[in-house]
């Protein structure tokens, strides 16, 4: 007997309103962009490296997203782990850092630390590989301004109401996002961005 498998794909586009707005978002409601700060030249740069493993079996995980955020300058660097689960950041100015690992088909883990000038720091992570399937959730996130909508980058969290696993990702600068290879089922999708009202929607991927 021949079986045919259908790939489920739901397109979900959501609009955000700035906090304090009631139907219309004015330019003054937009969250202020971080101000550029001049930092003195540093004689020594720092390095940060580590390994990302599976929490379940300690397997080295390649292709995992790593975001390193400099708290002082409010700047971020995005990398992915190599085939051996390793990551490396070089030429870093000293200061307070936040590092976020995972997202997509992996759970997320966050750690913080301070790098001194010329210091080499090591931070390892153990995260979970979330359940996979043949469904895809995709769409566009926009900011609502009167009758127009502007694409924005925001954080999307999709919670599978059966497994209670939470898939996390961000929309790009054009507002687009795509979460592939997830199980079918019902998801609670939440979109958040600093300075904006969170948006929640329940999506049933079994209907697609």
C-alpha atoms as a PDB file:
ATOM      1  CA  UNK A   1       0.000   0.000   0.000  1.00  0.00           C
ATOM      2  CA  UNK A   2       1.407   3.382  -0.988  1.00  0.00           C
ATOM      3  CA  UNK A   3       1.216   6.150   1.593  1.00  0.00           C
ATOM      4  CA  UNK A   4       1.207   9.845   0.830  1.00  0.00           C
ATOM      5  CA  UNK A   5       2.520  12.302   3.412  1.00  0.00           C
ATOM      6  CA  UNK A   6       1.363  15.916   3.314  1.00  0.00           C
ATOM      7  CA  UNK A   7       3.623  18.676   4.620  1.00  0.00           C
ATOM      8  CA  UNK A   8       1.667  21.083   6.818  1.00  0.00           C
ATOM      9  CA  UNK A   9       2.485  24.776   6.487  1.00  0.00           C
ATOM     10  CA  UNK A  10       0.710  27.671   8.201  1.00  0.00           C
ATOM     11  CA  UNK A  11       1.312  31.302   7.248  1.00  0.00           C
ATOM     12  CA  UNK A  12       0.677  33.622  10.193  1.00  0.00           C
ATOM     13  CA  UNK A  13       1.299  37.364   9.921  1.00  0.00           C
ATOM     14  CA  UNK A  14       0.830  39.560  12.992  1.00  0.00           C
ATOM     15  CA  UNK A  15       0.864  43.330  13.598  1.00  0.00           C
ATOM     16  CA  UNK A  16       2.266  45.043  16.704  1.00  0.00           C
ATOM     17  CA  UNK A  17       1.114  48.312  18.273  1.00  0.00           C
ATOM     18  CA  UNK A  18       3.449  50.593  20.208  1.00  0.00           C
ATOM     19  CA  UNK A  19       2.717  50.753  23.945  1.00  0.00           C
ATOM     20  CA  UNK A  20       0.176  53.450  24.753  1.00  0.00           C
ATOM     21  CA  UNK A  21      -1.278  53.380  21.254  1.00  0.00           C
ATOM     22  CA  UNK A  22      -4.977  52.717  20.698  1.00  0.00           C
ATOM     23  CA  UNK A  23      -5.392  51.688  17.096  1.00  0.00           C
ATOM     24  CA  UNK A  24      -2.859  54.199  15.768  1.00  0.00           C
ATOM     25  CA  UNK A  25       0.851  54.316  16.496  1.00  0.00           C
ATOM     26  CA  UNK A  26       2.558  57.681  16.107  1.00  0.00           C
ATOM     27  CA  UNK A  27       6.212  58.147  15.323  1.00  0.00           C
ATOM     28  CA  UNK A  28       6.718  59.451  18.846  1.00  0.00           C
ATOM     29  CA  UNK A  29       5.521  56.109  20.208  1.00  0.00           C
ATOM     30  CA  UNK A  30       8.387  54.186  18.647  1.00  0.00           C
ATOM     31  CA  UNK A  31      10.961  52.919  21.129  1.00  0.00           C
ATOM     32  CA  UNK A  32      14.088  55.048  21.045  1.00  0.00           C
ATOM     33  CA  UNK A  33      17.082  53.586  19.271  1.00  0.00           C
ATOM     34  CA  UNK A  34      20.158  53.029  21.440  1.00  0.00           C
ATOM     35  CA  UNK A  35      22.543  55.975  21.276  1.00  0.00           C
ATOM     36  CA  UNK A  36      25.979  55.330  19.880  1.00  0.00           C
ATOM     37  CA  UNK A  37      28.672  55.587  22.515  1.00  0.00           C
ATOM     38  CA  UNK A  38      32.299  56.459  21.915  1.00  0.00           C
ATOM     39  CA  UNK A  39      34.611  54.039  23.683  1.00  0.00           C
ATOM     40  CA  UNK A  40      38.318  54.602  24.245  1.00  0.00           C
ATOM     41  CA  UNK A  41      40.828  52.551  22.292  1.00  0.00           C
ATOM     42  CA  UNK A  42      41.794  49.370  24.116  1.00  0.00           C
ATOM     43  CA  UNK A  43      45.269  47.903  24.146  1.00  0.00           C
ATOM     44  CA  UNK A  44      44.099  44.341  24.732  1.00  0.00           C
ATOM     45  CA  UNK A  45      41.093  42.503  23.338  1.00  0.00           C
ATOM     46  CA  UNK A  46      39.353  39.512  24.882  1.00  0.00           C
ATOM     47  CA  UNK A  47      38.244  36.104  23.624  1.00  0.00           C
ATOM     48  CA  UNK A  48      35.243  33.948  24.480  1.00  0.00           C
ATOM     49  CA  UNK A  49      34.773  30.334  23.429  1.00  0.00           C
ATOM     50  CA  UNK A  50      32.889  27.208  24.425  1.00  0.00           C
ATOM     51  CA  UNK A  51      31.051  24.043  23.428  1.00  0.00           C
ATOM     52  CA  UNK A  52      27.323  23.363  23.082  1.00  0.00           C
ATOM     53  CA  UNK A  53      26.096  19.848  23.894  1.00  0.00           C
ATOM     54  CA  UNK A  54      22.817  17.984  24.033  1.00  0.00           C
ATOM     55  CA  UNK A  55      21.417  17.943  27.543  1.00  0.00           C
ATOM     56  CA  UNK A  56      20.104  14.427  26.958  1.00  0.00           C
ATOM     57  CA  UNK A  57      23.120  12.503  25.647  1.00  0.00           C
ATOM     58  CA  UNK A  58      25.986  15.058  25.693  1.00  0.00           C
ATOM     59  CA  UNK A  59      26.191  14.944  21.892  1.00  0.00           C
ATOM     60  CA  UNK A  60      28.024  17.907  20.343  1.00  0.00           C
ATOM     61  CA  UNK A  61      25.534  20.143  18.540  1.00  0.00           C
ATOM     62  CA  UNK A  62      26.440  21.921  15.316  1.00  0.00           C
ATOM     63  CA  UNK A  63      24.461  24.719  13.678  1.00  0.00           C
ATOM     64  CA  UNK A  64      23.167  26.161  16.962  1.00  0.00           C
ATOM     65  CA  UNK A  65      22.658  29.941  17.024  1.00  0.00           C
ATOM     66  CA  UNK A  66      24.845  31.939  19.435  1.00  0.00           C
ATOM     67  CA  UNK A  67      24.097  35.600  20.185  1.00  0.00           C
ATOM     68  CA  UNK A  68      26.701  37.559  22.159  1.00  0.00           C
ATOM     69  CA  UNK A  69      25.396  40.868  23.521  1.00  0.00           C
ATOM     70  CA  UNK A  70      27.641  43.649  24.827  1.00  0.00           C
ATOM     71  CA  UNK A  71      25.567  45.330  27.535  1.00  0.00           C
ATOM     72  CA  UNK A  72      27.529  48.589  27.561  1.00  0.00           C
ATOM     73  CA  UNK A  73      27.404  49.273  23.831  1.00  0.00           C
ATOM     74  CA  UNK A  74      24.070  47.474  23.291  1.00  0.00           C
ATOM     75  CA  UNK A  75      25.522  45.621  20.300  1.00  0.00           C
ATOM     76  CA  UNK A  76      25.186  41.950  19.381  1.00  0.00           C
ATOM     77  CA  UNK A  77      27.160  39.403  17.353  1.00  0.00           C
ATOM     78  CA  UNK A  78      25.461  36.365  15.814  1.00  0.00           C
ATOM     79  CA  UNK A  79      27.323  33.123  15.127  1.00  0.00           C
ATOM     80  CA  UNK A  80      26.557  29.399  14.834  1.00  0.00           C
ATOM     81  CA  UNK A  81      28.372  26.462  16.382  1.00  0.00           C
ATOM     82  CA  UNK A  82      30.622  24.440  14.084  1.00  0.00           C
ATOM     83  CA  UNK A  83      30.267  20.719  13.361  1.00  0.00           C
ATOM     84  CA  UNK A  84      32.009  19.951  16.670  1.00  0.00           C
ATOM     85  CA  UNK A  85      29.609  22.103  18.686  1.00  0.00           C
ATOM     86  CA  UNK A  86      32.201  24.814  19.243  1.00  0.00           C
ATOM     87  CA  UNK A  87      31.977  28.585  18.995  1.00  0.00           C
ATOM     88  CA  UNK A  88      34.573  31.353  19.190  1.00  0.00           C
ATOM     89  CA  UNK A  89      34.382  35.138  19.571  1.00  0.00           C
ATOM     90  CA  UNK A  90      37.613  37.126  19.262  1.00  0.00           C
ATOM     91  CA  UNK A  91      38.711  40.772  19.438  1.00  0.00           C
ATOM     92  CA  UNK A  92      36.116  41.601  22.082  1.00  0.00           C
ATOM     93  CA  UNK A  93      36.358  44.757  24.196  1.00  0.00           C
ATOM     94  CA  UNK A  94      36.253  44.074  27.949  1.00  0.00           C
ATOM     95  CA  UNK A  95      32.925  44.476  29.709  1.00  0.00           C
ATOM     96  CA  UNK A  96      29.682  42.804  30.728  1.00  0.00           C
ATOM     97  CA  UNK A  97      28.314  40.297  28.239  1.00  0.00           C
ATOM     98  CA  UNK A  98      25.164  38.246  27.861  1.00  0.00           C
ATOM     99  CA  UNK A  99      25.255  35.132  25.707  1.00  0.00           C
ATOM    100  CA  UNK A 100      22.099  33.468  24.373  1.00  0.00           C
ATOM    101  CA  UNK A 101      22.336  29.968  22.907  1.00  0.00           C
ATOM    102  CA  UNK A 102      19.704  27.995  21.011  1.00  0.00           C
ATOM    103  CA  UNK A 103      16.341  28.825  19.489  1.00  0.00           C
ATOM    104  CA  UNK A 104      14.495  27.307  16.555  1.00  0.00           C
ATOM    105  CA  UNK A 105      14.524  23.530  17.051  1.00  0.00           C
ATOM    106  CA  UNK A 106      16.597  23.851  20.233  1.00  0.00           C
ATOM    107  CA  UNK A 107      15.752  25.093  23.715  1.00  0.00           C
ATOM    108  CA  UNK A 108      17.350  28.377  24.768  1.00  0.00           C
ATOM    109  CA  UNK A 109      19.918  28.991  27.479  1.00  0.00           C
ATOM    110  CA  UNK A 110      21.223  32.346  28.680  1.00  0.00           C
ATOM    111  CA  UNK A 111      24.346  33.159  30.716  1.00  0.00           C
ATOM    112  CA  UNK A 112      26.161  36.343  31.723  1.00  0.00           C
ATOM    113  CA  UNK A 113      29.751  37.184  32.526  1.00  0.00           C
ATOM    114  CA  UNK A 114      32.428  39.877  32.645  1.00  0.00           C
ATOM    115  CA  UNK A 115      35.466  39.848  30.366  1.00  0.00           C
ATOM    116  CA  UNK A 116      38.599  41.651  31.501  1.00  0.00           C
ATOM    117  CA  UNK A 117      41.066  43.146  29.019  1.00  0.00           C
ATOM    118  CA  UNK A 118      43.165  40.409  27.426  1.00  0.00           C
ATOM    119  CA  UNK A 119      41.095  37.687  29.100  1.00  0.00           C
ATOM    120  CA  UNK A 120      40.153  34.371  27.471  1.00  0.00           C
ATOM    121  CA  UNK A 121      36.855  33.076  28.839  1.00  0.00           C
ATOM    122  CA  UNK A 122      35.135  29.714  28.409  1.00  0.00           C
ATOM    123  CA  UNK A 123      31.375  29.159  28.718  1.00  0.00           C
ATOM    124  CA  UNK A 124      29.845  25.789  27.818  1.00  0.00           C
ATOM    125  CA  UNK A 125      26.150  25.046  27.353  1.00  0.00           C
ATOM    126  CA  UNK A 126      23.845  22.021  27.502  1.00  0.00           C
ATOM    127  CA  UNK A 127      20.518  22.487  25.705  1.00  0.00           C
ATOM    128  CA  UNK A 128      17.621  20.297  24.603  1.00  0.00           C
ATOM    129  CA  UNK A 129      16.830  19.214  21.070  1.00  0.00           C
ATOM    130  CA  UNK A 130      13.109  19.890  20.672  1.00  0.00           C
ATOM    131  CA  UNK A 131      10.692  17.541  18.919  1.00  0.00           C
ATOM    132  CA  UNK A 132      10.704  17.668  15.134  1.00  0.00           C
ATOM    133  CA  UNK A 133       8.079  17.025  12.505  1.00  0.00           C
ATOM    134  CA  UNK A 134       6.986  17.953   8.995  1.00  0.00           C
ATOM    135  CA  UNK A 135       5.112  21.193   9.732  1.00  0.00           C
ATOM    136  CA  UNK A 136       6.200  24.789   9.135  1.00  0.00           C
ATOM    137  CA  UNK A 137       5.034  28.024  10.734  1.00  0.00           C
ATOM    138  CA  UNK A 138       5.929  31.195   8.851  1.00  0.00           C
ATOM    139  CA  UNK A 139       4.773  34.764   8.370  1.00  0.00           C
ATOM    140  CA  UNK A 140       5.601  38.448   8.708  1.00  0.00           C
ATOM    141  CA  UNK A 141       5.691  40.730  11.760  1.00  0.00           C
ATOM    142  CA  UNK A 142       4.752  44.369  11.193  1.00  0.00           C
ATOM    143  CA  UNK A 143       4.159  47.544  13.176  1.00  0.00           C
ATOM    144  CA  UNK A 144       0.700  49.001  12.666  1.00  0.00           C
ATOM    145  CA  UNK A 145       0.628  52.746  11.920  1.00  0.00           C
ATOM    146  CA  UNK A 146      -2.806  53.918  10.923  1.00  0.00           C
ATOM    147  CA  UNK A 147      -3.565  52.260   7.595  1.00  0.00           C
ATOM    148  CA  UNK A 148       0.044  51.275   6.929  1.00  0.00           C
ATOM    149  CA  UNK A 149       2.224  48.494   8.299  1.00  0.00           C
ATOM    150  CA  UNK A 150       6.023  48.539   8.620  1.00  0.00           C
ATOM    151  CA  UNK A 151       8.072  45.311   8.937  1.00  0.00           C
ATOM    152  CA  UNK A 152       9.896  44.940  12.264  1.00  0.00           C
ATOM    153  CA  UNK A 153      12.264  42.509  13.917  1.00  0.00           C
ATOM    154  CA  UNK A 154      10.626  40.852  16.935  1.00  0.00           C
ATOM    155  CA  UNK A 155      10.815  37.718  19.083  1.00  0.00           C
ATOM    156  CA  UNK A 156       8.409  34.872  18.310  1.00  0.00           C
ATOM    157  CA  UNK A 157       7.686  32.061  20.768  1.00  0.00           C
ATOM    158  CA  UNK A 158       5.527  29.127  19.682  1.00  0.00           C
ATOM    159  CA  UNK A 159       4.415  26.778  22.475  1.00  0.00           C
ATOM    160  CA  UNK A 160       3.164  23.339  21.481  1.00  0.00           C
ATOM    161  CA  UNK A 161       0.141  22.838  23.728  1.00  0.00           C
ATOM    162  CA  UNK A 162       0.540  19.043  23.635  1.00  0.00           C
ATOM    163  CA  UNK A 163       4.251  18.661  24.389  1.00  0.00           C
ATOM    164  CA  UNK A 164       4.608  22.059  26.153  1.00  0.00           C
ATOM    165  CA  UNK A 165       7.840  22.623  24.232  1.00  0.00           C
ATOM    166  CA  UNK A 166       8.594  26.238  23.327  1.00  0.00           C
ATOM    167  CA  UNK A 167      10.193  27.087  19.979  1.00  0.00           C
ATOM    168  CA  UNK A 168      11.852  30.511  19.872  1.00  0.00           C
ATOM    169  CA  UNK A 169      13.064  32.569  16.921  1.00  0.00           C
ATOM    170  CA  UNK A 170      13.234  36.157  15.656  1.00  0.00           C
ATOM    171  CA  UNK A 171      11.853  37.819  12.564  1.00  0.00           C
ATOM    172  CA  UNK A 172      14.450  39.393  10.272  1.00  0.00           C
ATOM    173  CA  UNK A 173      14.761  43.076   9.329  1.00  0.00           C
ATOM    174  CA  UNK A 174      11.984  42.567   6.766  1.00  0.00           C
ATOM    175  CA  UNK A 175       9.693  41.126   9.437  1.00  0.00           C
ATOM    176  CA  UNK A 176       9.838  37.604   7.985  1.00  0.00           C
ATOM    177  CA  UNK A 177      10.183  34.447  10.062  1.00  0.00           C
ATOM    178  CA  UNK A 178      10.004  30.709   9.397  1.00  0.00           C
ATOM    179  CA  UNK A 179       9.965  27.849  11.891  1.00  0.00           C
ATOM    180  CA  UNK A 180      10.405  24.596   9.986  1.00  0.00           C
ATOM    181  CA  UNK A 181      10.416  20.900  10.895  1.00  0.00           C
ATOM    182  CA  UNK A 182       8.110  21.178  13.890  1.00  0.00           C
ATOM    183  CA  UNK A 183       5.392  18.683  14.880  1.00  0.00           C
ATOM    184  CA  UNK A 184       1.788  19.271  13.871  1.00  0.00           C
ATOM    185  CA  UNK A 185      -0.656  20.302  16.569  1.00  0.00           C
ATOM    186  CA  UNK A 186      -1.979  23.392  18.295  1.00  0.00           C
ATOM    187  CA  UNK A 187       0.438  26.193  19.141  1.00  0.00           C
ATOM    188  CA  UNK A 188       0.163  29.339  21.215  1.00  0.00           C
ATOM    189  CA  UNK A 189       2.192  31.934  19.320  1.00  0.00           C
ATOM    190  CA  UNK A 190       3.410  35.040  21.151  1.00  0.00           C
ATOM    191  CA  UNK A 191       5.179  37.988  19.513  1.00  0.00           C
ATOM    192  CA  UNK A 192       7.097  40.443  21.697  1.00  0.00           C
ATOM    193  CA  UNK A 193       9.258  43.515  21.162  1.00  0.00           C
ATOM    194  CA  UNK A 194      10.436  46.134  23.639  1.00  0.00           C
ATOM    195  CA  UNK A 195       8.093  49.119  23.636  1.00  0.00           C
ATOM    196  CA  UNK A 196       5.233  47.248  21.951  1.00  0.00           C
ATOM    197  CA  UNK A 197       2.102  45.462  23.135  1.00  0.00           C
ATOM    198  CA  UNK A 198       2.610  41.653  23.008  1.00  0.00           C
ATOM    199  CA  UNK A 199       0.441  39.774  20.511  1.00  0.00           C
ATOM    200  CA  UNK A 200      -0.879  36.248  21.149  1.00  0.00           C
ATOM    201  CA  UNK A 201      -2.625  33.894  18.756  1.00  0.00           C
ATOM    202  CA  UNK A 202      -3.564  30.219  18.852  1.00  0.00           C
ATOM    203  CA  UNK A 203      -2.675  28.332  15.664  1.00  0.00           C
ATOM    204  CA  UNK A 204      -3.814  24.814  14.774  1.00  0.00           C
ATOM    205  CA  UNK A 205      -1.257  23.252  12.433  1.00  0.00           C
ATOM    206  CA  UNK A 206      -3.357  20.108  12.071  1.00  0.00           C
ATOM    207  CA  UNK A 207      -5.672  22.075   9.776  1.00  0.00           C
ATOM    208  CA  UNK A 208      -2.992  22.680   7.136  1.00  0.00           C
END
